Amino acid sequence: MASFQYFVGSSLDGFIATDDDNLAWLLQFDGFEGGQDSYDAFMADIGCIVMGGDTYAWLLAHEPGAWPYPGTPCWVFTHHEHSAPEGANVTFVRGTVTEFVDDLRDEAAGRNVWVVGGGVLAAQFADAGLLDELIISVIPVVLGSGKQVLPMAGPTPPLELLSSRTMGRGVVELRYRFGKNPGNG
């Protein structure tokens, strides 16, 4: 069965973007040793991608004419009207994440689902007990404020550390499995 995985980069103080969605602090680390290998290994197991409308709009604005996920179905949770880049397999949906879980698993065709983000969407999956793994690359930068990694409604049960590794430029990748709340499966 498909696992729902949140693969994300975060500042040391737990933010995935500045308040104004600036990622320059993260993008300055492009090409760090081990980063591309980690991403490629992760993507080899992904059958479907899910993201929020703001993340989708950011991608279109910062990657004009170059859809970064060719050949992989992408579902976008949004309340706004968007169009898909030519040749991209993008489905726009409105509603709760729980309404679409079976569809996302079917779309993944036995592989995993990447919850790209943002943090609010990932938190919806986690709050519903649907997020299986958090794979977080901790970037050695402190932002002071911004958009949280996982702005959940309350504390989680303890997460299980599956692996950790140090990569180039002081980046540390941590892989956690979510525990399940008694009422969430």
C-alpha atoms as a PDB file:
ATOM      1  CA  MET A   1       0.000   0.000   0.000  1.00  0.00           C
ATOM      2  CA  ALA A   2       1.188   3.511  -0.757  1.00  0.00           C
ATOM      3  CA  SER A   3       2.827   5.467   2.044  1.00  0.00           C
ATOM      4  CA  PHE A   4       2.183   9.193   2.370  1.00  0.00           C
ATOM      5  CA  GLN A   5       5.555  10.904   2.775  1.00  0.00           C
ATOM      6  CA  TYR A   6       6.396  14.540   3.493  1.00  0.00           C
ATOM      7  CA  PHE A   7       9.887  15.148   2.035  1.00  0.00           C
ATOM      8  CA  VAL A   8      10.914  18.719   2.849  1.00  0.00           C
ATOM      9  CA  GLY A   9      13.743  21.101   3.656  1.00  0.00           C
ATOM     10  CA  SER A  10      13.597  23.108   6.880  1.00  0.00           C
ATOM     11  CA  SER A  11      15.601  25.777   8.636  1.00  0.00           C
ATOM     12  CA  LEU A  12      17.107  24.866  12.016  1.00  0.00           C
ATOM     13  CA  ASP A  13      14.227  26.663  13.700  1.00  0.00           C
ATOM     14  CA  GLY A  14      11.495  24.731  11.868  1.00  0.00           C
ATOM     15  CA  PHE A  15      10.455  26.884   8.908  1.00  0.00           C
ATOM     16  CA  ILE A  16      10.059  25.836   5.259  1.00  0.00           C
ATOM     17  CA  ALA A  17       9.777  29.363   3.845  1.00  0.00           C
ATOM     18  CA  THR A  18       9.883  32.952   4.985  1.00  0.00           C
ATOM     19  CA  ASP A  19       6.592  34.705   5.691  1.00  0.00           C
ATOM     20  CA  ASP A  20       6.602  36.025   2.096  1.00  0.00           C
ATOM     21  CA  ASP A  21       7.399  32.571   0.573  1.00  0.00           C
ATOM     22  CA  ASN A  22      11.033  33.397  -0.128  1.00  0.00           C
ATOM     23  CA  LEU A  23      13.229  30.312  -0.504  1.00  0.00           C
ATOM     24  CA  ALA A  24      16.572  32.006  -1.249  1.00  0.00           C
ATOM     25  CA  TRP A  25      17.899  30.718   2.097  1.00  0.00           C
ATOM     26  CA  LEU A  26      17.212  27.145   0.905  1.00  0.00           C
ATOM     27  CA  LEU A  27      18.128  27.546  -2.757  1.00  0.00           C
ATOM     28  CA  GLN A  28      21.631  28.731  -1.818  1.00  0.00           C
ATOM     29  CA  PHE A  29      22.230  25.091  -0.803  1.00  0.00           C
ATOM     30  CA  ASP A  30      21.356  23.612  -4.227  1.00  0.00           C
ATOM     31  CA  GLY A  31      23.887  21.000  -5.222  1.00  0.00           C
ATOM     32  CA  PHE A  32      25.076  20.086  -1.713  1.00  0.00           C
ATOM     33  CA  GLU A  33      26.820  16.711  -1.505  1.00  0.00           C
ATOM     34  CA  GLY A  34      24.317  13.883  -1.159  1.00  0.00           C
ATOM     35  CA  GLY A  35      21.267  16.058  -1.866  1.00  0.00           C
ATOM     36  CA  GLN A  36      20.635  14.940  -5.438  1.00  0.00           C
ATOM     37  CA  ASP A  37      21.227  11.276  -4.578  1.00  0.00           C
ATOM     38  CA  SER A  38      18.734  11.523  -1.717  1.00  0.00           C
ATOM     39  CA  TYR A  39      16.134  13.195  -3.946  1.00  0.00           C
ATOM     40  CA  ASP A  40      16.628  10.693  -6.794  1.00  0.00           C
ATOM     41  CA  ALA A  41      16.288   7.702  -4.443  1.00  0.00           C
ATOM     42  CA  PHE A  42      13.163   9.229  -2.908  1.00  0.00           C
ATOM     43  CA  MET A  43      11.571   9.996  -6.290  1.00  0.00           C
ATOM     44  CA  ALA A  44      12.217   6.451  -7.546  1.00  0.00           C
ATOM     45  CA  ASP A  45       9.476   5.269  -5.152  1.00  0.00           C
ATOM     46  CA  ILE A  46       6.958   8.075  -5.851  1.00  0.00           C
ATOM     47  CA  GLY A  47       3.871   7.311  -7.910  1.00  0.00           C
ATOM     48  CA  CYS A  48       1.826  10.431  -7.152  1.00  0.00           C
ATOM     49  CA  ILE A  49       2.479  13.956  -5.899  1.00  0.00           C
ATOM     50  CA  VAL A  50       0.108  16.126  -3.882  1.00  0.00           C
ATOM     51  CA  MET A  51       0.529  19.818  -3.079  1.00  0.00           C
ATOM     52  CA  GLY A  52      -1.386  22.888  -2.043  1.00  0.00           C
ATOM     53  CA  GLY A  53      -2.383  25.698  -4.359  1.00  0.00           C
ATOM     54  CA  ASP A  54       0.206  28.147  -3.006  1.00  0.00           C
ATOM     55  CA  THR A  55       3.019  25.649  -3.583  1.00  0.00           C
ATOM     56  CA  TYR A  56       1.702  25.017  -7.101  1.00  0.00           C
ATOM     57  CA  ALA A  57       1.543  28.765  -7.848  1.00  0.00           C
ATOM     58  CA  TRP A  58       5.112  29.198  -6.505  1.00  0.00           C
ATOM     59  CA  LEU A  59       6.378  26.424  -8.777  1.00  0.00           C
ATOM     60  CA  LEU A  60       4.731  27.959 -11.834  1.00  0.00           C
ATOM     61  CA  ALA A  61       6.157  31.397 -11.014  1.00  0.00           C
ATOM     62  CA  HIS A  62       9.685  30.142 -10.321  1.00  0.00           C
ATOM     63  CA  GLU A  63       9.917  27.369 -12.932  1.00  0.00           C
ATOM     64  CA  PRO A  64       8.175  28.991 -15.924  1.00  0.00           C
ATOM     65  CA  GLY A  65       7.793  26.617 -18.849  1.00  0.00           C
ATOM     66  CA  ALA A  66       9.530  23.752 -17.030  1.00  0.00           C
ATOM     67  CA  TRP A  67       7.167  21.477 -15.093  1.00  0.00           C
ATOM     68  CA  PRO A  68       9.474  19.756 -12.570  1.00  0.00           C
ATOM     69  CA  TYR A  69       7.501  16.483 -12.355  1.00  0.00           C
ATOM     70  CA  PRO A  70       6.948  15.219 -15.902  1.00  0.00           C
ATOM     71  CA  GLY A  71       5.337  11.803 -16.053  1.00  0.00           C
ATOM     72  CA  THR A  72       4.210  11.822 -12.412  1.00  0.00           C
ATOM     73  CA  PRO A  73       0.546  12.510 -11.618  1.00  0.00           C
ATOM     74  CA  CYS A  74       0.119  15.588  -9.434  1.00  0.00           C
ATOM     75  CA  TRP A  75      -2.955  16.543  -7.417  1.00  0.00           C
ATOM     76  CA  VAL A  76      -3.353  20.141  -6.260  1.00  0.00           C
ATOM     77  CA  PHE A  77      -5.627  21.057  -3.345  1.00  0.00           C
ATOM     78  CA  THR A  78      -6.794  24.600  -4.045  1.00  0.00           C
ATOM     79  CA  HIS A  79      -9.630  27.065  -3.733  1.00  0.00           C
ATOM     80  CA  HIS A  80      -8.384  29.075  -6.731  1.00  0.00           C
ATOM     81  CA  GLU A  81      -8.606  28.571 -10.462  1.00  0.00           C
ATOM     82  CA  HIS A  82      -5.338  27.363 -12.005  1.00  0.00           C
ATOM     83  CA  SER A  83      -4.347  25.880 -15.310  1.00  0.00           C
ATOM     84  CA  ALA A  84      -1.888  23.052 -15.860  1.00  0.00           C
ATOM     85  CA  PRO A  85       1.305  23.405 -17.885  1.00  0.00           C
ATOM     86  CA  GLU A  86       1.181  21.700 -21.250  1.00  0.00           C
ATOM     87  CA  GLY A  87       1.910  17.989 -20.943  1.00  0.00           C
ATOM     88  CA  ALA A  88       1.642  17.937 -17.135  1.00  0.00           C
ATOM     89  CA  ASN A  89      -0.703  15.416 -15.504  1.00  0.00           C
ATOM     90  CA  VAL A  90      -2.309  17.748 -12.927  1.00  0.00           C
ATOM     91  CA  THR A  91      -5.661  17.276 -11.192  1.00  0.00           C
ATOM     92  CA  PHE A  92      -7.158  20.176  -9.222  1.00  0.00           C
ATOM     93  CA  VAL A  93      -9.373  19.311  -6.252  1.00  0.00           C
ATOM     94  CA  ARG A  94     -11.326  21.044  -3.509  1.00  0.00           C
ATOM     95  CA  GLY A  95     -12.203  19.372  -0.257  1.00  0.00           C
ATOM     96  CA  THR A  96     -10.599  17.615   2.663  1.00  0.00           C
ATOM     97  CA  VAL A  97      -7.595  15.351   2.259  1.00  0.00           C
ATOM     98  CA  THR A  98      -9.599  12.429   3.643  1.00  0.00           C
ATOM     99  CA  GLU A  99     -12.008  12.675   0.694  1.00  0.00           C
ATOM    100  CA  PHE A 100      -9.221  11.890  -1.775  1.00  0.00           C
ATOM    101  CA  VAL A 101      -6.983   9.380   0.048  1.00  0.00           C
ATOM    102  CA  ASP A 102      -8.230   6.360  -1.912  1.00  0.00           C
ATOM    103  CA  ASP A 103      -7.920   8.258  -5.209  1.00  0.00           C
ATOM    104  CA  LEU A 104      -4.344   9.268  -4.382  1.00  0.00           C
ATOM    105  CA  ARG A 105      -3.413   5.695  -3.456  1.00  0.00           C
ATOM    106  CA  ASP A 106      -4.968   4.429  -6.702  1.00  0.00           C
ATOM    107  CA  GLU A 107      -3.096   7.079  -8.698  1.00  0.00           C
ATOM    108  CA  ALA A 108       0.189   6.060  -7.027  1.00  0.00           C
ATOM    109  CA  ALA A 109      -0.315   2.523  -8.392  1.00  0.00           C
ATOM    110  CA  GLY A 110       1.494   0.718  -5.572  1.00  0.00           C
ATOM    111  CA  ARG A 111       4.164   3.362  -5.108  1.00  0.00           C
ATOM    112  CA  ASN A 112       4.289   6.182  -2.530  1.00  0.00           C
ATOM    113  CA  VAL A 113       2.563   9.568  -2.429  1.00  0.00           C
ATOM    114  CA  TRP A 114       4.740  12.644  -1.911  1.00  0.00           C
ATOM    115  CA  VAL A 115       3.030  15.357   0.076  1.00  0.00           C
ATOM    116  CA  VAL A 116       5.171  18.187  -1.305  1.00  0.00           C
ATOM    117  CA  GLY A 117       3.597  20.859   0.851  1.00  0.00           C
ATOM    118  CA  GLY A 118       3.139  23.378   1.983  1.00  0.00           C
ATOM    119  CA  GLY A 119       3.202  22.724   5.650  1.00  0.00           C
ATOM    120  CA  VAL A 120      -0.503  23.440   6.101  1.00  0.00           C
ATOM    121  CA  LEU A 121      -1.465  20.698   3.636  1.00  0.00           C
ATOM    122  CA  ALA A 122       1.022  18.254   5.166  1.00  0.00           C
ATOM    123  CA  ALA A 123      -0.418  19.065   8.599  1.00  0.00           C
ATOM    124  CA  GLN A 124      -3.905  18.197   7.318  1.00  0.00           C
ATOM    125  CA  PHE A 125      -2.637  14.739   6.351  1.00  0.00           C
ATOM    126  CA  ALA A 126      -0.870  14.381   9.718  1.00  0.00           C
ATOM    127  CA  ASP A 127      -3.863  15.604  11.741  1.00  0.00           C
ATOM    128  CA  ALA A 128      -6.031  13.017   9.940  1.00  0.00           C
ATOM    129  CA  GLY A 129      -3.533  10.247  10.832  1.00  0.00           C
ATOM    130  CA  LEU A 130      -2.653   9.796   7.151  1.00  0.00           C
ATOM    131  CA  LEU A 131       0.961  10.968   7.058  1.00  0.00           C
ATOM    132  CA  ASP A 132       3.249   7.941   7.309  1.00  0.00           C
ATOM    133  CA  GLU A 133       6.719   9.508   7.104  1.00  0.00           C
ATOM    134  CA  LEU A 134       8.506  12.815   7.524  1.00  0.00           C
ATOM    135  CA  ILE A 135      11.785  13.050   5.639  1.00  0.00           C
ATOM    136  CA  ILE A 136      13.309  16.377   6.569  1.00  0.00           C
ATOM    137  CA  SER A 137      16.573  17.918   5.448  1.00  0.00           C
ATOM    138  CA  VAL A 138      17.592  20.339   8.180  1.00  0.00           C
ATOM    139  CA  ILE A 139      19.424  23.260   6.571  1.00  0.00           C
ATOM    140  CA  PRO A 140      21.944  25.095   8.781  1.00  0.00           C
ATOM    141  CA  VAL A 141      20.161  28.460   8.624  1.00  0.00           C
ATOM    142  CA  VAL A 142      18.003  30.214  11.237  1.00  0.00           C
ATOM    143  CA  LEU A 143      15.099  32.245   9.830  1.00  0.00           C
ATOM    144  CA  GLY A 144      13.528  33.548  13.042  1.00  0.00           C
ATOM    145  CA  SER A 145      10.018  33.346  11.607  1.00  0.00           C
ATOM    146  CA  GLY A 146       8.198  32.014   8.591  1.00  0.00           C
ATOM    147  CA  LYS A 147       5.985  29.159   7.475  1.00  0.00           C
ATOM    148  CA  GLN A 148       6.160  26.205   9.857  1.00  0.00           C
ATOM    149  CA  VAL A 149       7.206  22.717   8.792  1.00  0.00           C
ATOM    150  CA  LEU A 150       4.052  21.149  10.196  1.00  0.00           C
ATOM    151  CA  PRO A 151       1.534  23.529  11.813  1.00  0.00           C
ATOM    152  CA  MET A 152      -0.595  20.797  13.378  1.00  0.00           C
ATOM    153  CA  ALA A 153      -3.622  21.178  15.641  1.00  0.00           C
ATOM    154  CA  GLY A 154      -1.807  19.510  18.561  1.00  0.00           C
ATOM    155  CA  PRO A 155       1.107  17.325  19.549  1.00  0.00           C
ATOM    156  CA  THR A 156       1.783  14.045  17.784  1.00  0.00           C
ATOM    157  CA  PRO A 157       2.509  10.714  19.404  1.00  0.00           C
ATOM    158  CA  PRO A 158       6.268  10.090  19.440  1.00  0.00           C
ATOM    159  CA  LEU A 159       7.748   9.672  15.965  1.00  0.00           C
ATOM    160  CA  GLU A 160      10.131   6.785  15.311  1.00  0.00           C
ATOM    161  CA  LEU A 161      13.531   7.759  13.914  1.00  0.00           C
ATOM    162  CA  LEU A 162      14.198   5.474  10.942  1.00  0.00           C
ATOM    163  CA  SER A 163      17.491   6.997   9.815  1.00  0.00           C
ATOM    164  CA  SER A 164      19.721  10.036   9.979  1.00  0.00           C
ATOM    165  CA  ARG A 165      22.652  11.118   7.900  1.00  0.00           C
ATOM    166  CA  THR A 166      24.900  14.102   7.539  1.00  0.00           C
ATOM    167  CA  MET A 167      25.305  15.440   4.033  1.00  0.00           C
ATOM    168  CA  GLY A 168      27.351  18.240   2.522  1.00  0.00           C
ATOM    169  CA  ARG A 169      27.438  21.818   3.843  1.00  0.00           C
ATOM    170  CA  GLY A 170      26.118  20.756   7.250  1.00  0.00           C
ATOM    171  CA  VAL A 171      22.733  19.496   6.033  1.00  0.00           C
ATOM    172  CA  VAL A 172      21.277  16.666   8.127  1.00  0.00           C
ATOM    173  CA  GLU A 173      18.559  14.412   6.748  1.00  0.00           C
ATOM    174  CA  LEU A 174      16.215  12.846   9.297  1.00  0.00           C
ATOM    175  CA  ARG A 175      13.648  10.206   8.409  1.00  0.00           C
ATOM    176  CA  TYR A 176      10.795   9.615  10.856  1.00  0.00           C
ATOM    177  CA  ARG A 177       7.766   7.335  10.893  1.00  0.00           C
ATOM    178  CA  PHE A 178       4.616   8.766  12.426  1.00  0.00           C
ATOM    179  CA  GLY A 179       3.036   6.957  15.342  1.00  0.00           C
ATOM    180  CA  LYS A 180      -0.701   6.596  15.160  1.00  0.00           C
ATOM    181  CA  ASN A 181      -3.167   8.346  17.415  1.00  0.00           C
ATOM    182  CA  PRO A 182      -5.532   5.792  18.982  1.00  0.00           C
ATOM    183  CA  GLY A 183      -8.493   7.268  17.083  1.00  0.00           C
ATOM    184  CA  ASN A 184      -6.696   7.655  13.740  1.00  0.00           C
ATOM    185  CA  GLY A 185      -5.685   4.152  12.782  1.00  0.00           C
END
